[in-house]
């Protein structure tokens, strides 16, 4: 069994580097068994080219496999949100590392917790990972997959209340949808809830503050990917730390790899046997800092900025989100979308009519001040971007069948939805 470091097994950057180098030799040895890396010819990590998402697509399905298929525990694919999906796979031992990294929450997962998992199960890893981590800590899991019509938003709100859910795992944006659904249902009180675990979408400080104000509990952020598992987690001081004791992180800045700065995050997982990755470019825009944190974790910190929308890289999801949620809370703006075109940003926001003019003017000024571009703001009544029927609908899943009762809607006879 591989021995993996725990938080506190080192005290400074020098000790952390020693941990990395001690495991790197095993990582390179594992990579030599992968068809992809074998044909590249391995040398020191510093001499290795980047591994790209396109490399993973070209290697589909098992061109990155470094163990016999009989050793695999699970197979996964990414969501394909920015192109064709990529395949990834893990052994049972790889899963021990995945679970341990995910469970590194400063708000711990306890046997007394009821943990609602509201991220996809299916081929992506996120739901399976949270489920496994919660079970490893003895918690009760509520598998409320957010890609299933069996658990619409109205059902999630019911489960949160009726089951005394204490912890949740979801996109940050999902927690706002639950809040809107709860308002429509007239449900205001969730006394058992003690924290919201979020990941999968950028989280600005203003959005975090709004979610925490709405729910009255801390928001605990996680950052990772299906190809890698958890890459960073939040410390008690609210900063997101890269798990640099379990992976080597670099930042691609203007074509060169640096230990810190703003650019695309490059990662080499150190405890991966089924599918070793060397210098894998996540293509996520980040800002990595080596400054000390008061928490004492002695790990780099990261701000995840999302994918850049302009070639200049100035406009990011998290940046625009900060402006939207920086509007006064009394304006009630929770849902928005935007699209750049040249030197102009077109935006739509849901806002009650009595606050529409003030919200549009404030947001237009904020975009201009932050980015020096013009913003066209279209205000829309609540229910326009996120329809009320989406928030109030009941489950729509039924088994396919042929025999229906008199008067029953038989147009659904052979449908799964």
Protein backbone atom coordinates (compact mmCIF):
# COMPACT_ATOMS: atom_id res chain seq x y z
CA UNK A 1 0.00 0.00 0.00
CA UNK A 2 1.33 3.44 -0.95
CA UNK A 3 1.94 5.81 1.97
CA UNK A 4 0.51 9.24 1.20
CA UNK A 5 1.42 12.41 3.11
CA UNK A 6 -1.01 14.09 5.48
CA UNK A 7 -1.40 17.80 6.14
CA UNK A 8 1.35 18.70 8.58
CA UNK A 9 3.90 16.16 7.31
CA UNK A 10 6.05 19.13 6.25
CA UNK A 11 6.52 22.65 7.60
CA UNK A 12 7.83 24.70 4.69
CA UNK A 13 8.41 24.81 0.93
CA UNK A 14 11.66 22.87 1.22
CA UNK A 15 10.00 19.98 3.01
CA UNK A 16 7.16 20.02 0.51
CA UNK A 17 9.60 19.86 -2.38
CA UNK A 18 11.31 16.84 -0.81
CA UNK A 19 7.96 15.04 -0.59
CA UNK A 20 7.27 15.78 -4.24
CA UNK A 21 10.65 14.60 -5.47
CA UNK A 22 10.50 11.40 -3.41
CA UNK A 23 7.26 10.38 -5.13
CA UNK A 24 8.06 11.75 -8.61
CA UNK A 25 10.36 8.83 -9.43
CA UNK A 26 7.45 6.41 -8.87
CA UNK A 27 5.19 8.61 -11.02
CA UNK A 28 7.66 8.59 -13.92
CA UNK A 29 8.06 4.83 -13.57
CA UNK A 30 4.27 4.37 -13.77
CA UNK A 31 4.08 6.66 -16.81
CA UNK A 32 6.57 4.47 -18.67
CA UNK A 33 3.90 1.76 -18.73
CA UNK A 34 1.46 4.06 -20.55
CA UNK A 35 1.45 3.69 -24.38
CA UNK A 36 1.18 7.46 -24.74
CA UNK A 37 4.22 8.30 -22.63
CA UNK A 38 6.22 5.27 -23.75
CA UNK A 39 6.22 6.50 -27.34
CA UNK A 40 7.27 9.98 -26.19
CA UNK A 41 10.30 8.64 -24.37
CA UNK A 42 10.63 9.70 -20.76
CA UNK A 43 13.33 11.77 -19.17
CA UNK A 44 13.22 14.20 -16.26
CA UNK A 45 9.92 15.98 -15.70
CA UNK A 46 11.57 19.30 -16.52
CA UNK A 47 12.20 18.03 -20.05
CA UNK A 48 8.66 16.77 -20.66
CA UNK A 49 6.29 18.59 -23.01
CA UNK A 50 2.77 19.47 -21.91
CA UNK A 51 0.08 16.82 -22.03
CA UNK A 52 -3.00 18.45 -23.56
CA UNK A 53 -6.72 17.73 -23.55
CA UNK A 54 -6.37 16.92 -27.24
CA UNK A 55 -3.77 14.30 -26.34
CA UNK A 56 -6.31 12.67 -24.06
CA UNK A 57 -8.98 12.80 -26.77
CA UNK A 58 -6.58 11.25 -29.30
CA UNK A 59 -5.74 8.49 -26.81
CA UNK A 60 -9.41 7.53 -26.29
CA UNK A 61 -10.29 5.15 -24.81
CA UNK A 62 -7.26 3.36 -23.30
CA UNK A 63 -4.18 4.92 -24.87
CA UNK A 64 -3.23 6.42 -21.48
CA UNK A 65 -3.70 3.17 -19.57
CA UNK A 66 -0.67 2.12 -17.49
CA UNK A 67 -2.06 -0.99 -15.77
CA UNK A 68 -3.85 -4.13 -16.87
CA UNK A 69 -7.57 -3.49 -17.35
CA UNK A 70 -8.33 -6.10 -14.69
CA UNK A 71 -6.90 -3.64 -12.14
CA UNK A 72 -9.33 -0.84 -12.99
CA UNK A 73 -12.00 0.10 -10.49
CA UNK A 74 -13.86 2.80 -12.46
CA UNK A 75 -13.98 4.45 -15.88
CA UNK A 76 -15.07 8.09 -16.36
CA UNK A 77 -15.44 10.76 -19.00
CA UNK A 78 -15.41 14.52 -18.66
CA UNK A 79 -18.51 16.59 -19.39
CA UNK A 80 -17.09 17.74 -22.73
CA UNK A 81 -18.12 21.33 -21.96
CA UNK A 82 -15.27 22.72 -24.08
CA UNK A 83 -14.99 19.98 -26.71
CA UNK A 84 -15.08 16.21 -27.09
CA UNK A 85 -15.02 14.43 -23.71
CA UNK A 86 -11.83 12.89 -22.36
CA UNK A 87 -11.55 9.43 -20.78
CA UNK A 88 -10.02 8.76 -17.37
CA UNK A 89 -9.78 5.72 -15.14
CA UNK A 90 -8.70 4.78 -11.64
CA UNK A 91 -7.62 1.71 -9.70
CA UNK A 92 -8.90 0.95 -6.21
CA UNK A 93 -5.66 2.34 -4.79
CA UNK A 94 -6.02 5.50 -6.89
CA UNK A 95 -9.44 5.90 -5.30
CA UNK A 96 -7.93 5.97 -1.81
CA UNK A 97 -5.99 9.06 -2.85
CA UNK A 98 -9.05 10.63 -4.53
CA UNK A 99 -11.21 10.15 -1.44
CA UNK A 100 -8.55 11.40 0.94
CA UNK A 101 -8.01 14.61 -1.03
CA UNK A 102 -11.74 15.34 -1.30
CA UNK A 103 -12.29 14.79 2.42
CA UNK A 104 -9.66 17.38 3.35
CA UNK A 105 -12.35 19.88 4.37
CA UNK A 106 -11.79 22.26 7.25
CA UNK A 107 -15.50 21.65 7.94
CA UNK A 108 -15.13 17.91 8.47
CA UNK A 109 -17.46 15.17 7.30
CA UNK A 110 -18.72 13.25 10.35
CA UNK A 111 -20.72 10.03 10.91
CA UNK A 112 -23.57 12.18 12.22
CA UNK A 113 -23.83 14.08 8.91
CA UNK A 114 -26.51 13.67 6.26
CA UNK A 115 -24.69 14.57 3.05
CA UNK A 116 -26.69 15.55 -0.05
CA UNK A 117 -24.73 15.00 -3.28
CA UNK A 118 -26.13 17.27 -6.00
CA UNK A 119 -23.54 16.86 -8.75
CA UNK A 120 -23.59 14.39 -11.66
CA UNK A 121 -22.99 10.71 -11.10
CA UNK A 122 -23.12 9.10 -14.59
CA UNK A 123 -19.71 9.17 -16.34
CA UNK A 124 -18.24 12.17 -14.53
CA UNK A 125 -16.38 11.56 -11.30
CA UNK A 126 -17.78 14.35 -9.13
CA UNK A 127 -20.86 12.64 -7.67
CA UNK A 128 -19.13 9.29 -7.18
CA UNK A 129 -16.18 11.00 -5.47
CA UNK A 130 -18.26 12.95 -2.97
CA UNK A 131 -20.38 9.85 -2.29
CA UNK A 132 -17.30 7.70 -1.63
CA UNK A 133 -15.65 10.35 0.55
CA UNK A 134 -18.75 10.85 2.66
CA UNK A 135 -19.21 7.11 3.14
CA UNK A 136 -15.53 6.74 4.08
CA UNK A 137 -16.22 9.13 6.96
CA UNK A 138 -19.40 7.32 8.00
CA UNK A 139 -21.90 9.94 6.80
CA UNK A 140 -25.36 9.16 5.40
CA UNK A 141 -25.43 9.98 1.67
CA UNK A 142 -28.47 11.36 -0.17
CA UNK A 143 -27.66 10.80 -3.91
CA UNK A 144 -29.60 13.69 -5.47
CA UNK A 145 -27.86 13.65 -8.87
CA UNK A 146 -28.40 16.96 -10.68
CA UNK A 147 -28.71 15.33 -14.10
CA UNK A 148 -31.76 13.27 -13.15
CA UNK A 149 -35.38 14.32 -13.70
CA UNK A 150 -36.20 12.25 -10.63
CA UNK A 151 -34.76 14.97 -8.36
CA UNK A 152 -35.93 18.41 -9.58
CA UNK A 153 -35.28 21.54 -7.51
CA UNK A 154 -38.53 21.18 -5.61
CA UNK A 155 -37.45 17.70 -4.51
CA UNK A 156 -34.03 18.97 -3.42
CA UNK A 157 -35.66 21.59 -1.21
CA UNK A 158 -37.95 18.94 0.30
CA UNK A 159 -34.98 16.65 0.99
CA UNK A 160 -32.96 19.45 2.58
CA UNK A 161 -35.82 20.13 5.01
CA UNK A 162 -37.33 16.71 5.67
CA UNK A 163 -34.06 14.77 6.01
CA UNK A 164 -32.29 17.40 8.13
CA UNK A 165 -29.46 17.56 5.61
CA UNK A 166 -26.30 18.93 7.25
CA UNK A 167 -23.86 19.11 4.30
CA UNK A 168 -24.31 19.48 0.54
CA UNK A 169 -22.08 19.15 -2.53
CA UNK A 170 -23.01 21.06 -5.68
CA UNK A 171 -22.15 23.82 -8.08
CA UNK A 172 -22.15 27.18 -6.32
CA UNK A 173 -24.83 28.30 -8.79
CA UNK A 174 -27.06 25.41 -7.71
CA UNK A 175 -27.35 26.78 -4.18
CA UNK A 176 -28.95 29.94 -5.61
CA UNK A 177 -31.47 27.83 -7.53
CA UNK A 178 -32.37 25.97 -4.33
CA UNK A 179 -32.89 29.29 -2.58
CA UNK A 180 -35.21 30.50 -5.33
CA UNK A 181 -37.12 27.19 -5.27
CA UNK A 182 -37.42 27.37 -1.48
CA UNK A 183 -38.82 30.91 -1.71
CA UNK A 184 -41.45 29.81 -4.23
CA UNK A 185 -42.36 26.89 -1.96
CA UNK A 186 -42.58 29.17 1.08
CA UNK A 187 -39.83 27.26 2.91
CA UNK A 188 -37.40 29.44 4.85
CA UNK A 189 -35.90 27.32 7.61
CA UNK A 190 -33.19 24.64 7.30
CA UNK A 191 -31.84 24.46 10.87
CA UNK A 192 -29.76 21.29 10.41
CA UNK A 193 -27.65 22.67 7.56
CA UNK A 194 -24.11 23.51 8.66
CA UNK A 195 -22.11 24.01 5.44
CA UNK A 196 -22.37 24.06 1.66
CA UNK A 197 -19.53 22.32 -0.22
CA UNK A 198 -19.24 23.75 -3.73
CA UNK A 199 -17.09 23.22 -6.81
CA UNK A 200 -17.22 22.99 -10.58
CA UNK A 201 -17.83 26.67 -11.31
CA UNK A 202 -15.80 29.78 -10.46
CA UNK A 203 -16.69 31.40 -7.14
CA UNK A 204 -16.08 35.11 -6.66
CA UNK A 205 -15.87 36.62 -3.16
CA UNK A 206 -19.08 38.57 -3.78
CA UNK A 207 -20.97 35.44 -4.88
CA UNK A 208 -19.68 33.52 -1.87
CA UNK A 209 -20.81 36.32 0.44
CA UNK A 210 -24.27 36.38 -1.14
CA UNK A 211 -24.72 32.60 -0.82
CA UNK A 212 -23.57 32.65 2.81
CA UNK A 213 -25.97 35.51 3.56
CA UNK A 214 -28.88 33.66 1.96
CA UNK A 215 -28.25 30.32 3.68
CA UNK A 216 -26.57 31.49 6.89
CA UNK A 217 -23.84 28.81 6.73
CA UNK A 218 -20.26 28.75 5.42
CA UNK A 219 -19.49 27.98 1.80
CA UNK A 220 -16.52 25.59 1.47
CA UNK A 221 -14.92 25.58 -1.98
CA UNK A 222 -13.31 22.69 -3.84
CA UNK A 223 -11.46 22.72 -7.16
CA UNK A 224 -10.67 19.76 -9.40
CA UNK A 225 -11.52 17.86 -12.57
CA UNK A 226 -12.66 14.41 -13.69
CA UNK A 227 -9.20 13.80 -15.17
CA UNK A 228 -7.44 14.57 -11.88
CA UNK A 229 -9.82 14.49 -8.94
CA UNK A 230 -9.56 17.20 -6.29
CA UNK A 231 -6.72 19.65 -6.87
CA UNK A 232 -7.37 22.26 -4.19
CA UNK A 233 -9.45 22.86 -1.09
CA UNK A 234 -10.34 25.75 1.15
CA UNK A 235 -8.62 26.41 4.45
CA UNK A 236 -10.28 27.96 7.55
CA UNK A 237 -9.12 31.40 6.38
CA UNK A 238 -11.11 31.11 3.15
CA UNK A 239 -8.17 30.63 0.79
CA UNK A 240 -8.03 27.82 -1.77
CA UNK A 241 -4.86 25.72 -1.38
CA UNK A 242 -3.40 23.48 -4.06
CA UNK A 243 -2.74 19.94 -2.81
CA UNK A 244 0.94 20.24 -3.67
CA UNK A 245 1.82 17.27 -1.46
CA UNK A 246 -0.18 15.07 -3.87
CA UNK A 247 0.68 16.76 -7.19
CA UNK A 248 3.23 19.08 -8.77
CA UNK A 249 1.68 22.33 -10.00
CA UNK A 250 3.03 24.76 -12.58
CA UNK A 251 1.58 27.80 -14.31
CA UNK A 252 1.87 28.31 -18.08
CA UNK A 253 2.55 32.01 -18.63
CA UNK A 254 3.33 33.29 -22.13
CA UNK A 255 4.57 29.87 -23.21
CA UNK A 256 6.81 29.27 -20.18
CA UNK A 257 6.17 27.22 -17.04
CA UNK A 258 6.47 29.05 -13.73
CA UNK A 259 5.86 28.01 -10.10
CA UNK A 260 3.40 30.87 -9.58
CA UNK A 261 1.63 33.74 -11.31
CA UNK A 262 -1.39 34.09 -13.58
CA UNK A 263 -1.86 31.69 -16.47
CA UNK A 264 -3.09 28.17 -17.21
CA UNK A 265 -2.73 25.55 -14.51
CA UNK A 266 -0.50 22.56 -15.32
CA UNK A 267 -0.59 19.53 -13.01
CA UNK A 268 1.36 16.30 -12.50
CA UNK A 269 -0.54 14.01 -10.08
CA UNK A 270 1.88 12.03 -7.91
CA UNK A 271 -0.29 9.15 -6.71
CA UNK A 272 -1.91 7.86 -9.89
CA UNK A 273 -1.20 4.39 -11.26
CA UNK A 274 -3.99 3.66 -13.78
CA UNK A 275 -3.55 6.83 -15.82
CA UNK A 276 -0.41 8.83 -14.99
CA UNK A 277 -0.45 12.40 -16.24
CA UNK A 278 2.71 14.42 -16.73
CA UNK A 279 2.42 18.17 -17.02
CA UNK A 280 -1.27 18.02 -17.88
CA UNK A 281 -2.59 21.40 -19.00
CA UNK A 282 -6.03 21.85 -17.42
CA UNK A 283 -6.57 24.98 -19.56
CA UNK A 284 -8.06 26.66 -16.51
CA UNK A 285 -7.10 30.29 -16.02
CA UNK A 286 -5.71 30.64 -12.49
CA UNK A 287 -3.57 32.84 -10.29
CA UNK A 288 -1.17 30.90 -8.06
CA UNK A 289 0.61 32.46 -5.09
CA UNK A 290 3.43 31.12 -2.92
CA UNK A 291 2.78 33.64 -0.13
CA UNK A 292 2.28 32.24 3.36
CA UNK A 293 -1.26 31.78 4.65
CA UNK A 294 -2.25 32.25 8.31
CA UNK A 295 -3.68 28.69 8.34
CA UNK A 296 -0.12 27.31 8.30
CA UNK A 297 -0.76 24.66 5.65
CA UNK A 298 2.45 25.64 3.76
CA UNK A 299 0.75 24.98 0.42
CA UNK A 300 0.42 27.31 -2.59
CA UNK A 301 -2.87 29.18 -2.89
CA UNK A 302 -4.89 29.52 -6.07
CA UNK A 303 -7.63 31.75 -7.45
CA UNK A 304 -9.60 29.99 -10.20
CA UNK A 305 -10.64 32.57 -12.76
CA UNK A 306 -12.39 30.33 -15.29
CA UNK A 307 -11.85 30.35 -19.04
CA UNK A 308 -10.93 33.66 -20.64
CA UNK A 309 -13.51 35.23 -22.93
CA UNK A 310 -11.27 37.82 -24.57
CA UNK A 311 -7.94 37.02 -26.22
CA UNK A 312 -6.34 39.55 -23.87
CA UNK A 313 -7.48 37.38 -20.99
CA UNK A 314 -8.89 40.26 -18.93
CA UNK A 315 -12.55 39.29 -18.87
CA UNK A 316 -13.30 36.13 -16.89
CA UNK A 317 -16.39 34.47 -15.46
CA UNK A 318 -15.28 35.09 -11.90
CA UNK A 319 -14.52 38.75 -12.66
CA UNK A 320 -17.92 39.49 -14.16
CA UNK A 321 -19.60 37.46 -11.43
CA UNK A 322 -17.92 39.66 -8.81
CA UNK A 323 -19.55 42.71 -10.38
CA UNK A 324 -23.01 41.10 -10.58
CA UNK A 325 -23.01 39.94 -6.97
CA UNK A 326 -21.44 43.21 -5.91
CA UNK A 327 -24.81 44.85 -6.60
CA UNK A 328 -26.77 45.68 -3.43
CA UNK A 329 -28.50 42.51 -2.15
CA UNK A 330 -31.82 44.34 -1.96
CA UNK A 331 -31.84 44.46 -5.78
CA UNK A 332 -32.40 40.70 -5.67
CA UNK A 333 -30.14 39.85 -8.64
CA UNK A 334 -29.22 36.14 -8.54
CA UNK A 335 -29.36 35.01 -12.17
CA UNK A 336 -27.53 36.50 -15.13
CA UNK A 337 -25.75 35.74 -18.38
CA UNK A 338 -23.35 37.68 -20.57
CA UNK A 339 -21.67 37.47 -23.95
CA UNK A 340 -18.75 39.55 -25.27
CA UNK A 341 -18.70 40.94 -28.80
CA UNK A 342 -15.74 43.09 -29.74
CA UNK A 343 -15.40 45.89 -27.19
CA UNK A 344 -18.89 45.41 -25.78
CA UNK A 345 -20.43 43.09 -23.23
CA UNK A 346 -24.10 42.18 -23.61
CA UNK A 347 -25.70 41.16 -20.33
CA UNK A 348 -29.09 40.00 -19.12
CA UNK A 349 -30.07 40.03 -15.45
CA UNK A 350 -33.19 38.96 -13.60
CA UNK A 351 -34.30 41.79 -11.33
CA UNK A 352 -37.64 42.91 -9.85
CA UNK A 353 -39.09 45.84 -11.86
CA UNK A 354 -38.76 48.30 -8.97
CA UNK A 355 -34.96 47.84 -8.97
CA UNK A 356 -34.40 47.38 -12.72
CA UNK A 357 -33.16 50.87 -13.60
CA UNK A 358 -30.85 51.19 -10.59
CA UNK A 359 -29.39 47.71 -11.07
CA UNK A 360 -28.74 48.25 -14.79
CA UNK A 361 -27.05 51.60 -14.23
CA UNK A 362 -24.89 50.28 -11.40
CA UNK A 363 -23.80 47.22 -13.36
CA UNK A 364 -23.10 49.24 -16.50
CA UNK A 365 -20.85 51.58 -14.50
CA UNK A 366 -19.11 48.67 -12.76
CA UNK A 367 -18.25 46.91 -16.04
CA UNK A 368 -16.93 50.14 -17.52
CA UNK A 369 -14.79 50.87 -14.47
CA UNK A 370 -13.42 47.33 -14.23
CA UNK A 371 -12.76 46.59 -17.91
CA UNK A 372 -13.02 49.86 -19.82
CA UNK A 373 -15.68 48.46 -22.13
CA UNK A 374 -19.32 49.27 -22.82
CA UNK A 375 -21.98 47.04 -21.30
CA UNK A 376 -25.46 46.65 -22.70
CA UNK A 377 -27.70 45.60 -19.79
CA UNK A 378 -31.10 44.04 -20.43
CA UNK A 379 -33.22 43.72 -17.31
CA UNK A 380 -35.68 40.85 -17.18
CA UNK A 381 -38.45 40.02 -14.73
CA UNK A 382 -37.84 37.16 -12.27
CA UNK A 383 -38.73 33.89 -13.93
CA UNK A 384 -37.34 34.91 -17.32
CA UNK A 385 -33.85 33.36 -17.21
CA UNK A 386 -34.76 30.67 -14.68
CA UNK A 387 -38.43 29.78 -15.30
CA UNK A 388 -40.57 29.35 -12.21
CA UNK A 389 -41.84 26.05 -13.60
CA UNK A 390 -38.26 24.72 -13.43
CA UNK A 391 -38.13 25.51 -9.72
CA UNK A 392 -41.55 24.13 -8.84
CA UNK A 393 -41.90 21.08 -11.12
CA UNK A 394 -42.21 17.63 -9.59
CA UNK A 395 -40.30 14.50 -10.68
CA UNK A 396 -40.73 13.66 -14.36
CA UNK A 397 -39.15 10.23 -14.49
CA UNK A 398 -41.12 7.07 -15.28
CA UNK A 399 -40.22 3.59 -16.40
CA UNK A 400 -41.05 2.81 -20.04
CA UNK A 401 -44.16 0.65 -20.32
CA UNK A 402 -46.88 -0.32 -22.74
CA UNK A 403 -50.09 -0.64 -20.70
CA UNK A 404 -51.77 2.54 -19.42
CA UNK A 405 -54.93 3.18 -17.45
CA UNK A 406 -57.94 4.76 -19.14
CA UNK A 407 -57.39 8.48 -19.52
CA UNK A 408 -53.68 8.30 -18.64
CA UNK A 409 -51.18 10.13 -20.85
CA UNK A 410 -49.90 7.29 -23.00
CA UNK A 411 -47.77 9.52 -25.22
CA UNK A 412 -45.09 8.75 -22.61
CA UNK A 413 -45.39 5.00 -23.21
CA UNK A 414 -41.82 4.28 -24.23
CA UNK A 415 -40.07 7.35 -22.86
CA UNK A 416 -37.58 7.59 -20.04
CA UNK A 417 -38.36 11.26 -19.41
